[in-house]
Amino acid sequence: MRGHGPRCTRTIPALSYWVSVECAAALGNWDPEKWSALTWTRWHCGDPEVGPYASGTYRRTTIDGKESFSIDFADSDSRHICHLDGRGVVFRTRDFEKWRKHDKDAAPRSSSAQFDYADPDHLGLAPGERPFLTELDGRSAQGLLDNANSMPPDHPWLDGSGDHVNSAHLAEVARQFVSLMREGRPFRVTGAEMSFRHYVELGAPLTIAGSAGDDGTVEMTVRQGGHECTEIRYSVVEI
């Protein structure tokens, strides 16, 4: 997926959420009345010149001995767009809102209206896209996502439950961080892996830090409130 423009990294986790949830519900594997959480995902992209999403397949799988799901997307000519794997957890007995209340109340609050975001060109933003990060400070950047800047009405991919920062937002945080590392030079994400350890709170500052390897991989960690929340690895190539 491209580092710039409408067909980019952020669309994969956004689309995969709806595909995995709707397919699991249709197969009777998931109760829509229960809260659930994605704990791990990875994806690999096909040819960058394929067309838009036209079809896909969903199946239950076992990966590393754990119950998972796998999704394949194709264009109208059946050309491969992306293969995605993932797994999650369903909170079957936990009072989710009560359980979440302490962390949400304890998180220090700020507002995107007063946050000092980086130059849009450094973040690789197209017109209408939202900045989430400050300029780099060494190997890290600060970030802030709140309802005002991360869930605008009728946006094609920026949405969520409103309880926390979701996986699509975190994928975009990582993409913006890679763009900062590359000083805004365009790139393509060819694959990724994300592990979710702790919820990232809306309206509370976060830190993302990372480093690039010689093989085109970028390893990143998102931290907030003393927690290592998300580990992310991107494989990128110049375009």
C-alpha atoms as a PDB file:
ATOM      1  CA  MET A   1       0.000   0.000   0.000  1.00  0.00           C
ATOM      2  CA  ARG A   2       1.216   3.482  -0.795  1.00  0.00           C
ATOM      3  CA  GLY A   3       2.622   5.859   1.790  1.00  0.00           C
ATOM      4  CA  HIS A   4       0.719   8.753   0.210  1.00  0.00           C
ATOM      5  CA  GLY A   5      -2.700   9.077  -1.394  1.00  0.00           C
ATOM      6  CA  PRO A   6      -6.111   7.489  -0.875  1.00  0.00           C
ATOM      7  CA  ARG A   7      -5.072   3.830  -1.277  1.00  0.00           C
ATOM      8  CA  CYS A   8      -2.686   3.482   1.641  1.00  0.00           C
ATOM      9  CA  THR A   9      -1.825   1.527   4.770  1.00  0.00           C
ATOM     10  CA  ARG A  10      -4.680   2.942   6.847  1.00  0.00           C
ATOM     11  CA  THR A  11      -7.386   1.390   4.652  1.00  0.00           C
ATOM     12  CA  ILE A  12      -6.290  -2.208   5.353  1.00  0.00           C
ATOM     13  CA  PRO A  13      -6.955  -2.376   9.135  1.00  0.00           C
ATOM     14  CA  ALA A  14     -10.123  -0.299   8.741  1.00  0.00           C
ATOM     15  CA  LEU A  15     -11.558  -2.655   6.120  1.00  0.00           C
ATOM     16  CA  SER A  16     -10.321  -5.793   7.881  1.00  0.00           C
ATOM     17  CA  TYR A  17     -12.220  -4.838  11.035  1.00  0.00           C
ATOM     18  CA  TRP A  18     -15.567  -4.774   9.276  1.00  0.00           C
ATOM     19  CA  VAL A  19     -14.831  -7.898   7.227  1.00  0.00           C
ATOM     20  CA  SER A  20     -13.697  -9.943  10.236  1.00  0.00           C
ATOM     21  CA  VAL A  21     -16.576  -8.801  12.465  1.00  0.00           C
ATOM     22  CA  GLU A  22     -19.330  -9.249   9.880  1.00  0.00           C
ATOM     23  CA  CYS A  23     -18.035 -12.620   8.643  1.00  0.00           C
ATOM     24  CA  ALA A  24     -17.535 -13.972  12.161  1.00  0.00           C
ATOM     25  CA  ALA A  25     -21.079 -12.872  13.088  1.00  0.00           C
ATOM     26  CA  ALA A  26     -22.515 -14.477   9.936  1.00  0.00           C
ATOM     27  CA  LEU A  27     -20.740 -17.754  10.735  1.00  0.00           C
ATOM     28  CA  GLY A  28     -21.949 -17.668  14.348  1.00  0.00           C
ATOM     29  CA  ASN A  29     -18.409 -17.360  15.739  1.00  0.00           C
ATOM     30  CA  TRP A  30     -18.888 -13.943  17.319  1.00  0.00           C
ATOM     31  CA  ASP A  31     -21.550 -12.379  19.531  1.00  0.00           C
ATOM     32  CA  PRO A  32     -22.187  -8.754  18.447  1.00  0.00           C
ATOM     33  CA  GLU A  33     -23.498  -7.981  21.949  1.00  0.00           C
ATOM     34  CA  LYS A  34     -20.073  -8.652  23.497  1.00  0.00           C
ATOM     35  CA  TRP A  35     -17.087  -6.295  23.544  1.00  0.00           C
ATOM     36  CA  SER A  36     -14.068  -7.636  21.677  1.00  0.00           C
ATOM     37  CA  ALA A  37     -10.486  -6.505  21.074  1.00  0.00           C
ATOM     38  CA  LEU A  38      -7.935  -7.145  18.345  1.00  0.00           C
ATOM     39  CA  THR A  39      -4.693  -8.405  19.888  1.00  0.00           C
ATOM     40  CA  TRP A  40      -2.520  -9.135  16.836  1.00  0.00           C
ATOM     41  CA  THR A  41      -2.566  -8.623  13.087  1.00  0.00           C
ATOM     42  CA  ARG A  42      -0.209  -8.823  10.136  1.00  0.00           C
ATOM     43  CA  TRP A  43      -0.596  -8.245   6.423  1.00  0.00           C
ATOM     44  CA  HIS A  44       1.306  -8.518   3.140  1.00  0.00           C
ATOM     45  CA  CYS A  45       0.440  -6.492   0.054  1.00  0.00           C
ATOM     46  CA  GLY A  46       0.436  -7.565  -3.579  1.00  0.00           C
ATOM     47  CA  ASP A  47       1.183  -5.619  -6.755  1.00  0.00           C
ATOM     48  CA  PRO A  48       0.762  -1.852  -6.177  1.00  0.00           C
ATOM     49  CA  GLU A  49      -0.950  -1.447  -9.567  1.00  0.00           C
ATOM     50  CA  VAL A  50      -3.967  -3.648  -8.797  1.00  0.00           C
ATOM     51  CA  GLY A  51      -7.424  -2.107  -8.816  1.00  0.00           C
ATOM     52  CA  PRO A  52      -9.719  -1.272  -5.880  1.00  0.00           C
ATOM     53  CA  TYR A  53     -11.257  -3.884  -3.584  1.00  0.00           C
ATOM     54  CA  ALA A  54     -13.899  -5.977  -5.360  1.00  0.00           C
ATOM     55  CA  SER A  55     -13.972  -9.330  -3.553  1.00  0.00           C
ATOM     56  CA  GLY A  56     -12.514 -11.215  -0.651  1.00  0.00           C
ATOM     57  CA  THR A  57     -12.500 -14.426   1.367  1.00  0.00           C
ATOM     58  CA  TYR A  58     -12.571 -14.945   5.136  1.00  0.00           C
ATOM     59  CA  ARG A  59     -11.693 -18.153   6.961  1.00  0.00           C
ATOM     60  CA  ARG A  60     -10.912 -19.346  10.462  1.00  0.00           C
ATOM     61  CA  THR A  61      -7.292 -20.445  10.823  1.00  0.00           C
ATOM     62  CA  THR A  62      -4.772 -21.608  13.411  1.00  0.00           C
ATOM     63  CA  ILE A  63      -1.534 -19.606  13.521  1.00  0.00           C
ATOM     64  CA  ASP A  64       1.258 -20.403  15.985  1.00  0.00           C
ATOM     65  CA  GLY A  65      -1.171 -22.768  17.730  1.00  0.00           C
ATOM     66  CA  LYS A  66      -3.728 -19.983  18.341  1.00  0.00           C
ATOM     67  CA  GLU A  67      -7.209 -19.546  16.892  1.00  0.00           C
ATOM     68  CA  SER A  68      -6.995 -16.793  14.285  1.00  0.00           C
ATOM     69  CA  PHE A  69      -8.613 -15.539  11.096  1.00  0.00           C
ATOM     70  CA  SER A  70      -7.275 -14.909   7.598  1.00  0.00           C
ATOM     71  CA  ILE A  71      -8.624 -12.605   4.897  1.00  0.00           C
ATOM     72  CA  ASP A  72      -7.666 -12.210   1.230  1.00  0.00           C
ATOM     73  CA  PHE A  73      -8.700  -9.200  -0.868  1.00  0.00           C
ATOM     74  CA  ALA A  74      -8.764  -9.079  -4.692  1.00  0.00           C
ATOM     75  CA  ASP A  75      -9.704  -6.583  -7.385  1.00  0.00           C
ATOM     76  CA  SER A  76     -12.310  -7.064 -10.134  1.00  0.00           C
ATOM     77  CA  ASP A  77      -9.779  -9.026 -12.215  1.00  0.00           C
ATOM     78  CA  SER A  78      -9.085 -11.376  -9.260  1.00  0.00           C
ATOM     79  CA  ARG A  79      -5.629  -9.885  -8.785  1.00  0.00           C
ATOM     80  CA  HIS A  80      -4.234 -10.142  -5.262  1.00  0.00           C
ATOM     81  CA  ILE A  81      -4.411  -6.940  -3.205  1.00  0.00           C
ATOM     82  CA  CYS A  82      -3.627  -8.079   0.325  1.00  0.00           C
ATOM     83  CA  HIS A  83      -3.475 -11.101   2.627  1.00  0.00           C
ATOM     84  CA  LEU A  84      -4.218 -10.379   6.280  1.00  0.00           C
ATOM     85  CA  ASP A  85      -4.082 -12.526   9.423  1.00  0.00           C
ATOM     86  CA  GLY A  86      -5.388 -11.563  12.848  1.00  0.00           C
ATOM     87  CA  ARG A  87      -6.630 -12.709  16.203  1.00  0.00           C
ATOM     88  CA  GLY A  88      -8.483 -11.154  19.104  1.00  0.00           C
ATOM     89  CA  VAL A  89     -10.348 -11.729  22.336  1.00  0.00           C
ATOM     90  CA  VAL A  90     -13.997 -11.445  23.335  1.00  0.00           C
ATOM     91  CA  PHE A  91     -14.801 -10.178  26.837  1.00  0.00           C
ATOM     92  CA  ARG A  92     -17.507 -12.691  27.629  1.00  0.00           C
ATOM     93  CA  THR A  93     -17.922 -12.042  31.354  1.00  0.00           C
ATOM     94  CA  ARG A  94     -16.174  -8.711  32.001  1.00  0.00           C
ATOM     95  CA  ASP A  95     -18.108  -5.483  32.562  1.00  0.00           C
ATOM     96  CA  PHE A  96     -16.142  -3.688  29.853  1.00  0.00           C
ATOM     97  CA  GLU A  97     -17.218  -0.127  30.584  1.00  0.00           C
ATOM     98  CA  LYS A  98     -16.634  -0.461  34.343  1.00  0.00           C
ATOM     99  CA  TRP A  99     -13.282  -2.160  33.753  1.00  0.00           C
ATOM    100  CA  ARG A 100     -12.177   0.610  31.375  1.00  0.00           C
ATOM    101  CA  LYS A 101     -13.337   3.511  33.548  1.00  0.00           C
ATOM    102  CA  HIS A 102     -10.236   3.714  35.770  1.00  0.00           C
ATOM    103  CA  ASP A 103      -7.734   3.933  32.896  1.00  0.00           C
ATOM    104  CA  LYS A 104      -9.883   6.429  31.014  1.00  0.00           C
ATOM    105  CA  ASP A 105     -10.314   8.661  34.068  1.00  0.00           C
ATOM    106  CA  ALA A 106      -6.623   8.456  35.008  1.00  0.00           C
ATOM    107  CA  ALA A 107      -5.274   9.413  31.571  1.00  0.00           C
ATOM    108  CA  PRO A 108      -3.962  13.003  31.373  1.00  0.00           C
ATOM    109  CA  ARG A 109      -6.152  15.011  29.026  1.00  0.00           C
ATOM    110  CA  SER A 110      -5.261  17.364  26.204  1.00  0.00           C
ATOM    111  CA  SER A 111      -6.934  18.759  23.084  1.00  0.00           C
ATOM    112  CA  SER A 112      -5.991  18.511  19.425  1.00  0.00           C
ATOM    113  CA  ALA A 113      -6.963  22.185  19.075  1.00  0.00           C
ATOM    114  CA  GLN A 114      -3.918  23.152  21.187  1.00  0.00           C
ATOM    115  CA  PHE A 115      -1.529  20.393  20.089  1.00  0.00           C
ATOM    116  CA  ASP A 116       1.587  21.305  18.072  1.00  0.00           C
ATOM    117  CA  TYR A 117       1.367  18.897  15.122  1.00  0.00           C
ATOM    118  CA  ALA A 118       4.114  18.420  12.542  1.00  0.00           C
ATOM    119  CA  ASP A 119       4.138  19.959   9.078  1.00  0.00           C
ATOM    120  CA  PRO A 120       1.598  18.066   6.893  1.00  0.00           C
ATOM    121  CA  ASP A 121       4.254  17.555   4.195  1.00  0.00           C
ATOM    122  CA  HIS A 122       6.556  15.856   6.719  1.00  0.00           C
ATOM    123  CA  LEU A 123       3.661  13.571   7.726  1.00  0.00           C
ATOM    124  CA  GLY A 124       2.859  12.694   4.107  1.00  0.00           C
ATOM    125  CA  LEU A 125      -0.728  13.931   4.355  1.00  0.00           C
ATOM    126  CA  ALA A 126      -3.042  14.359   1.406  1.00  0.00           C
ATOM    127  CA  PRO A 127      -5.636  17.189   1.455  1.00  0.00           C
ATOM    128  CA  GLY A 128      -8.273  16.540   4.132  1.00  0.00           C
ATOM    129  CA  GLU A 129      -6.182  14.020   6.088  1.00  0.00           C
ATOM    130  CA  ARG A 130      -5.536  14.573   9.797  1.00  0.00           C
ATOM    131  CA  PRO A 131      -2.166  15.024  11.548  1.00  0.00           C
ATOM    132  CA  PHE A 132      -1.580  12.899  14.645  1.00  0.00           C
ATOM    133  CA  LEU A 133       2.107  13.511  15.497  1.00  0.00           C
ATOM    134  CA  THR A 134       4.579  16.258  16.369  1.00  0.00           C
ATOM    135  CA  GLU A 135       7.890  16.674  14.589  1.00  0.00           C
ATOM    136  CA  LEU A 136      10.574  14.133  15.486  1.00  0.00           C
ATOM    137  CA  ASP A 137      12.649  14.574  18.628  1.00  0.00           C
ATOM    138  CA  GLY A 138      15.522  12.214  18.021  1.00  0.00           C
ATOM    139  CA  ARG A 139      13.946   8.797  17.421  1.00  0.00           C
ATOM    140  CA  SER A 140      10.533   9.589  18.864  1.00  0.00           C
ATOM    141  CA  ALA A 141       7.523  11.837  18.385  1.00  0.00           C
ATOM    142  CA  GLN A 142       4.567  12.808  20.533  1.00  0.00           C
ATOM    143  CA  GLY A 143       1.009  12.250  19.403  1.00  0.00           C
ATOM    144  CA  LEU A 144      -2.558  13.041  20.299  1.00  0.00           C
ATOM    145  CA  LEU A 145      -5.793  11.634  18.929  1.00  0.00           C
ATOM    146  CA  ASP A 146      -9.134  12.844  20.244  1.00  0.00           C
ATOM    147  CA  ASN A 147     -12.675  12.671  18.922  1.00  0.00           C
ATOM    148  CA  ALA A 148     -12.286  16.015  17.165  1.00  0.00           C
ATOM    149  CA  ASN A 149      -9.352  15.076  14.936  1.00  0.00           C
ATOM    150  CA  SER A 150      -9.601  11.284  14.703  1.00  0.00           C
ATOM    151  CA  MET A 151     -13.325  10.667  14.171  1.00  0.00           C
ATOM    152  CA  PRO A 152     -14.695  13.357  11.859  1.00  0.00           C
ATOM    153  CA  PRO A 153     -18.268  12.765  10.615  1.00  0.00           C
ATOM    154  CA  ASP A 154     -18.699  10.695   7.428  1.00  0.00           C
ATOM    155  CA  HIS A 155     -14.976  10.029   7.024  1.00  0.00           C
ATOM    156  CA  PRO A 156     -14.288   6.930   4.858  1.00  0.00           C
ATOM    157  CA  TRP A 157     -11.965   5.241   7.356  1.00  0.00           C
ATOM    158  CA  LEU A 158     -11.513   7.359  10.513  1.00  0.00           C
ATOM    159  CA  ASP A 159     -14.110   6.035  12.923  1.00  0.00           C
ATOM    160  CA  GLY A 160     -14.436   3.764  15.926  1.00  0.00           C
ATOM    161  CA  SER A 161     -16.361   3.029  19.093  1.00  0.00           C
ATOM    162  CA  GLY A 162     -15.267   6.284  20.723  1.00  0.00           C
ATOM    163  CA  ASP A 163     -13.875   4.309  23.662  1.00  0.00           C
ATOM    164  CA  HIS A 164     -10.219   4.196  22.581  1.00  0.00           C
ATOM    165  CA  VAL A 165      -7.791   4.713  19.715  1.00  0.00           C
ATOM    166  CA  ASN A 166      -8.392   1.810  17.327  1.00  0.00           C
ATOM    167  CA  SER A 167      -6.099  -0.269  15.113  1.00  0.00           C
ATOM    168  CA  ALA A 168      -6.677   1.784  11.953  1.00  0.00           C
ATOM    169  CA  HIS A 169      -5.666   4.945  13.819  1.00  0.00           C
ATOM    170  CA  LEU A 170      -2.544   3.251  15.189  1.00  0.00           C
ATOM    171  CA  ALA A 171      -1.602   2.045  11.709  1.00  0.00           C
ATOM    172  CA  GLU A 172      -1.846   5.658  10.560  1.00  0.00           C
ATOM    173  CA  VAL A 173       0.210   6.852  13.555  1.00  0.00           C
ATOM    174  CA  ALA A 174       2.918   4.415  12.444  1.00  0.00           C
ATOM    175  CA  ARG A 175       2.667   5.530   8.807  1.00  0.00           C
ATOM    176  CA  GLN A 176       3.038   9.181   9.830  1.00  0.00           C
ATOM    177  CA  PHE A 177       6.047   8.267  11.977  1.00  0.00           C
ATOM    178  CA  VAL A 178       7.757   6.534   9.050  1.00  0.00           C
ATOM    179  CA  SER A 179       7.034   9.607   6.928  1.00  0.00           C
ATOM    180  CA  LEU A 180       8.693  11.808   9.573  1.00  0.00           C
ATOM    181  CA  MET A 181      11.736   9.527   9.583  1.00  0.00           C
ATOM    182  CA  ARG A 182      11.903   9.876   5.796  1.00  0.00           C
ATOM    183  CA  GLU A 183      11.400  13.668   5.930  1.00  0.00           C
ATOM    184  CA  GLY A 184       8.229  13.371   3.886  1.00  0.00           C
ATOM    185  CA  ARG A 185       9.708  11.370   0.996  1.00  0.00           C
ATOM    186  CA  PRO A 186       7.050   9.021  -0.446  1.00  0.00           C
ATOM    187  CA  PHE A 187       7.137   5.302   0.280  1.00  0.00           C
ATOM    188  CA  ARG A 188       5.031   2.166   0.082  1.00  0.00           C
ATOM    189  CA  VAL A 189       4.243  -0.190   2.962  1.00  0.00           C
ATOM    190  CA  THR A 190       4.516  -3.743   1.586  1.00  0.00           C
ATOM    191  CA  GLY A 191       3.786  -5.564   4.851  1.00  0.00           C
ATOM    192  CA  ALA A 192       3.174  -5.027   8.541  1.00  0.00           C
ATOM    193  CA  GLU A 193       2.706  -6.697  11.901  1.00  0.00           C
ATOM    194  CA  MET A 194       0.995  -5.117  14.928  1.00  0.00           C
ATOM    195  CA  SER A 195       0.638  -6.464  18.485  1.00  0.00           C
ATOM    196  CA  PHE A 196      -1.777  -4.712  20.852  1.00  0.00           C
ATOM    197  CA  ARG A 197      -0.815  -4.924  24.554  1.00  0.00           C
ATOM    198  CA  HIS A 198      -2.804  -2.124  26.169  1.00  0.00           C
ATOM    199  CA  TYR A 199      -5.535   0.266  25.084  1.00  0.00           C
ATOM    200  CA  VAL A 200      -4.441   3.705  23.832  1.00  0.00           C
ATOM    201  CA  GLU A 201      -6.734   6.371  25.276  1.00  0.00           C
ATOM    202  CA  LEU A 202      -8.399   9.068  23.214  1.00  0.00           C
ATOM    203  CA  GLY A 203      -7.539  12.630  24.216  1.00  0.00           C
ATOM    204  CA  ALA A 204      -4.336  11.633  26.049  1.00  0.00           C
ATOM    205  CA  PRO A 205      -0.793  12.236  24.734  1.00  0.00           C
ATOM    206  CA  LEU A 206       1.187   9.252  23.466  1.00  0.00           C
ATOM    207  CA  THR A 207       4.784   8.639  22.403  1.00  0.00           C
ATOM    208  CA  ILE A 208       5.918   6.616  19.402  1.00  0.00           C
ATOM    209  CA  ALA A 209       9.567   5.658  19.029  1.00  0.00           C
ATOM    210  CA  GLY A 210      11.340   3.509  16.497  1.00  0.00           C
ATOM    211  CA  SER A 211      14.269   2.734  14.256  1.00  0.00           C
ATOM    212  CA  ALA A 212      14.805   1.636  10.667  1.00  0.00           C
ATOM    213  CA  GLY A 213      16.781  -1.419   9.617  1.00  0.00           C
ATOM    214  CA  ASP A 214      18.927  -1.887   6.524  1.00  0.00           C
ATOM    215  CA  ASP A 215      16.373  -4.342   5.108  1.00  0.00           C
ATOM    216  CA  GLY A 216      13.584  -1.758   4.819  1.00  0.00           C
ATOM    217  CA  THR A 217      11.859  -2.635   8.095  1.00  0.00           C
ATOM    218  CA  VAL A 218      10.870  -0.060  10.682  1.00  0.00           C
ATOM    219  CA  GLU A 219      10.272  -1.231  14.271  1.00  0.00           C
ATOM    220  CA  MET A 220       8.044   1.034  16.385  1.00  0.00           C
ATOM    221  CA  THR A 221       6.526   1.087  19.868  1.00  0.00           C
ATOM    222  CA  VAL A 222       3.604   3.230  21.026  1.00  0.00           C
ATOM    223  CA  ARG A 223       3.665   4.137  24.725  1.00  0.00           C
ATOM    224  CA  GLN A 224       1.133   5.956  26.872  1.00  0.00           C
ATOM    225  CA  GLY A 225       0.690   6.362  30.620  1.00  0.00           C
ATOM    226  CA  GLY A 226       3.653   4.153  31.479  1.00  0.00           C
ATOM    227  CA  HIS A 227       2.404   1.281  29.286  1.00  0.00           C
ATOM    228  CA  GLU A 228       3.935  -0.220  26.154  1.00  0.00           C
ATOM    229  CA  CYS A 229       0.666  -0.273  24.256  1.00  0.00           C
ATOM    230  CA  THR A 230       1.415  -1.328  20.683  1.00  0.00           C
ATOM    231  CA  GLU A 231       4.356  -2.878  18.871  1.00  0.00           C
ATOM    232  CA  ILE A 232       4.467  -2.280  15.107  1.00  0.00           C
ATOM    233  CA  ARG A 233       6.743  -3.448  12.331  1.00  0.00           C
ATOM    234  CA  TYR A 234       6.466  -2.020   8.811  1.00  0.00           C
ATOM    235  CA  SER A 235       8.258  -3.172   5.673  1.00  0.00           C
ATOM    236  CA  VAL A 236       8.666  -0.175   3.360  1.00  0.00           C
ATOM    237  CA  VAL A 237      10.086   0.577  -0.093  1.00  0.00           C
ATOM    238  CA  GLU A 238      10.663   3.872  -1.842  1.00  0.00           C
ATOM    239  CA  ILE A 239       8.316   4.960  -4.634  1.00  0.00           C
END
